[in-house]
Protein backbone atom coordinates (compact mmCIF):
# COMPACT_ATOMS: atom_id res chain seq x y z
CA MET A 1 66.22 -99.32 -242.69
CA ASP A 2 63.99 -96.39 -242.37
CA ASP A 3 62.94 -94.96 -238.91
CA SER A 4 59.37 -95.65 -239.70
CA ASP A 5 60.12 -99.34 -240.05
CA ASN A 6 61.10 -99.61 -236.38
CA ARG A 7 57.71 -98.13 -235.07
CA LEU A 8 55.32 -100.39 -233.39
CA TRP A 9 52.28 -98.71 -234.58
CA ARG A 10 51.89 -97.32 -238.28
CA PHE A 11 50.00 -94.20 -237.22
CA SER A 12 51.67 -90.91 -237.77
CA LYS A 13 52.30 -88.52 -235.05
CA PRO A 14 49.72 -85.68 -235.03
CA SER A 15 51.22 -82.46 -235.76
CA TRP A 16 49.80 -80.54 -232.52
CA LEU A 17 52.11 -82.87 -230.42
CA SER A 18 55.15 -80.68 -231.50
CA ASN A 19 53.56 -77.41 -230.76
CA ALA A 20 54.92 -75.40 -227.78
CA ASN A 21 51.29 -74.37 -226.69
CA ALA A 22 50.33 -78.10 -226.30
CA HIS A 23 53.49 -78.80 -224.27
CA THR A 24 52.58 -75.72 -221.83
CA ALA A 25 48.98 -76.79 -221.75
CA GLY A 26 49.83 -80.21 -220.79
CA ILE A 27 52.22 -79.28 -217.98
CA TYR A 28 49.50 -76.89 -216.68
CA SER A 29 46.95 -79.39 -216.85
CA SER A 30 49.06 -82.04 -214.94
CA GLY A 31 49.57 -79.59 -212.19
CA ALA A 32 45.88 -78.90 -212.12
CA LEU A 33 44.94 -82.51 -211.82
CA PHE A 34 47.57 -83.22 -209.20
CA SER A 35 46.36 -80.24 -206.97
CA LEU A 36 42.67 -81.46 -207.50
CA GLY A 37 43.93 -84.91 -206.51
CA PHE A 38 45.38 -83.66 -203.26
CA PHE A 39 42.43 -81.36 -202.57
CA PHE A 40 40.33 -84.32 -202.36
CA LEU A 41 42.42 -85.86 -199.83
CA VAL A 42 42.55 -82.89 -197.75
CA ASP A 43 38.96 -82.19 -198.13
CA ALA A 44 38.17 -85.63 -196.85
CA ALA A 45 40.66 -85.38 -193.81
CA ALA A 46 39.30 -81.97 -192.90
CA TRP A 47 35.68 -83.05 -193.05
CA SER A 48 36.18 -86.08 -191.10
CA HIS A 49 37.60 -84.05 -188.22
CA SER A 50 35.07 -81.53 -188.54
CA SER A 51 32.45 -81.07 -185.47
CA LYS A 52 29.77 -80.65 -188.11
CA ASN A 53 30.38 -84.18 -189.46
CA GLY A 54 28.88 -85.96 -186.28
CA SER A 55 30.79 -89.16 -186.80
CA PHE A 56 33.45 -91.09 -184.82
CA VAL A 57 35.18 -92.30 -188.03
CA HIS A 58 38.17 -90.13 -189.21
CA VAL A 59 40.85 -90.11 -191.84
CA ASN A 60 44.06 -91.28 -190.40
CA PHE A 61 47.51 -92.07 -191.47
CA VAL A 62 46.29 -95.42 -193.13
CA ASP A 63 44.17 -93.30 -195.56
CA TRP A 64 47.25 -91.01 -196.52
CA ILE A 65 49.49 -93.90 -197.41
CA PRO A 66 48.00 -94.63 -200.89
CA GLY A 67 48.22 -90.98 -201.64
CA ILE A 68 51.82 -90.89 -200.61
CA CYS A 69 52.71 -93.79 -202.81
CA SER A 70 50.92 -92.26 -205.75
CA ALA A 71 52.84 -89.00 -205.21
CA LEU A 72 56.29 -90.84 -204.92
CA GLY A 73 55.28 -92.94 -208.09
CA MET A 74 54.58 -89.70 -210.02
CA LEU A 75 57.89 -88.27 -208.74
CA VAL A 76 59.85 -91.36 -209.91
CA ILE A 77 58.15 -91.63 -213.30
CA ASN A 78 58.64 -88.07 -214.46
CA SER A 79 62.33 -87.90 -213.29
CA ILE A 80 63.40 -90.37 -215.96
CA GLU A 81 64.25 -88.93 -219.25
CA LYS A 82 62.84 -90.72 -222.46
CA SER A 83 66.07 -91.06 -223.98
CA ARG A 84 67.51 -93.13 -221.01
CA LEU A 85 65.09 -95.86 -221.85
CA SER A 86 66.80 -96.64 -225.19
CA ALA A 87 70.26 -95.46 -223.85
CA ASP A 88 72.14 -98.83 -224.52
CA SER A 89 73.52 -97.49 -227.92
CA PHE A 90 75.10 -94.58 -225.98
CA SER A 91 77.57 -94.70 -223.18
CA TYR A 92 76.25 -92.36 -220.47
CA SER A 93 77.33 -94.02 -217.24
CA GLY A 94 78.60 -97.51 -218.20
CA SER A 95 76.67 -100.46 -219.70
CA GLY A 96 73.05 -101.07 -219.06
CA VAL A 97 71.62 -97.78 -218.65
CA ALA A 98 68.40 -98.57 -220.53
CA TRP A 99 67.48 -101.65 -218.24
CA LYS A 100 68.11 -99.66 -215.09
CA ALA A 101 65.94 -96.74 -216.29
CA ARG A 102 63.32 -99.15 -217.19
CA PHE A 103 63.52 -100.89 -213.88
CA VAL A 104 63.17 -97.71 -212.12
CA LEU A 105 60.30 -96.61 -214.42
CA PHE A 106 58.67 -99.82 -213.63
CA LEU A 107 58.93 -99.16 -209.84
CA GLY A 108 57.42 -95.72 -210.34
CA PHE A 109 54.42 -97.41 -212.16
CA ALA A 110 54.18 -99.98 -209.55
CA LEU A 111 54.01 -97.16 -206.84
CA LEU A 112 51.24 -95.40 -208.83
CA ALA A 113 49.28 -98.77 -209.26
CA GLY A 114 49.92 -99.67 -205.69
CA GLY A 115 48.65 -96.30 -204.46
CA LEU A 116 45.26 -96.74 -206.66
CA ALA A 117 44.87 -100.24 -205.46
CA GLY A 118 45.63 -99.21 -201.84
CA SER A 119 42.96 -96.51 -201.95
CA VAL A 120 40.36 -99.15 -203.36
CA THR A 121 41.40 -101.40 -200.56
CA VAL A 122 41.06 -98.66 -197.89
CA LEU A 123 37.73 -97.76 -199.38
CA VAL A 124 36.29 -101.37 -199.27
CA LEU A 125 37.73 -102.45 -195.95
CA LYS A 126 37.47 -99.33 -193.87
CA TYR A 127 34.14 -97.91 -195.37
CA VAL A 128 32.05 -100.27 -197.50
CA LEU A 129 32.13 -103.32 -195.57
CA LYS A 130 31.22 -101.78 -192.22
CA GLU A 131 28.24 -100.24 -194.04
CA TYR A 132 28.83 -96.60 -193.05
CA PRO A 133 26.45 -94.03 -194.49
CA LEU A 134 27.43 -92.32 -197.77
CA GLN A 135 28.60 -89.21 -195.69
CA ILE A 136 31.24 -91.49 -194.32
CA VAL A 137 31.97 -93.56 -197.26
CA TYR A 138 33.01 -90.17 -199.02
CA PHE A 139 36.29 -90.36 -197.17
CA GLY A 140 37.23 -93.49 -199.09
CA ILE A 141 35.73 -92.33 -202.32
CA ALA A 142 37.55 -89.16 -202.09
CA ASN A 143 40.81 -91.27 -201.46
CA VAL A 144 40.18 -93.23 -204.81
CA ILE A 145 39.27 -90.19 -206.65
CA ALA A 146 42.73 -88.40 -205.37
CA ASN A 147 44.75 -91.28 -206.46
CA GLY A 148 43.17 -91.56 -209.90
CA LEU A 149 43.68 -88.03 -210.40
CA ILE A 150 47.33 -88.24 -209.51
CA MET A 151 47.88 -91.10 -211.74
CA LEU A 152 46.19 -89.26 -214.65
CA SER A 153 48.36 -86.22 -213.81
CA SER A 154 51.38 -88.35 -214.09
CA VAL A 155 50.46 -89.59 -217.52
CA VAL A 156 49.63 -86.07 -218.78
CA LEU A 157 53.05 -84.95 -217.52
CA TRP A 158 54.96 -87.75 -219.02
CA VAL A 159 53.43 -87.21 -222.54
CA SER A 160 53.95 -83.27 -222.06
CA GLN A 161 57.61 -83.82 -221.21
CA ASN A 162 58.14 -86.13 -224.17
CA MET A 163 56.64 -83.46 -226.57
CA GLU A 164 59.26 -80.96 -225.25
CA ASP A 165 62.09 -83.31 -226.67
CA GLU A 166 60.65 -83.05 -230.17
CA TYR A 167 60.07 -79.22 -229.99
CA SER A 168 63.33 -78.25 -228.67
CA TYR A 169 65.20 -80.65 -231.21
CA ASN A 170 63.32 -78.59 -234.00
CA LEU A 171 64.43 -75.24 -232.40
CA GLN A 172 68.03 -76.26 -232.49
CA LEU A 173 68.05 -76.96 -236.26
């Protein structure tokens, strides 16, 4: 049976995915998205405690919890090698390596989704329902934007890391 018969989709892989420059650009893009996400969190926290703000509403630890969950989810997801997800045919460290890796990957995605859902919850419960002006609601919007960018950064890094496997394999031949 051919390797193409086991694929889920019948589309061929674009040739630029095996390019070293695309791999490097993906990693740098992921870092830029991650930094931009945390910039929004820090910006909202700094503006909320500024004397120019003129508000009694501040960003506190509850606002930071979704960002922490998203960052941990990104760390968990991108620490798993793609080869471990189908490692049952190999014998790395006993039986059931693939389902353990898939479970940890699921936990990482759950942390990412929980971070994004938590930031939306904080936005709605803390800022929108109390009908604060847009200047104050920005603290919650920045939290949602930050968690969305961290999630996008995780996806870009995951794809970029998986491009490296194909490229390094071609170099060894």
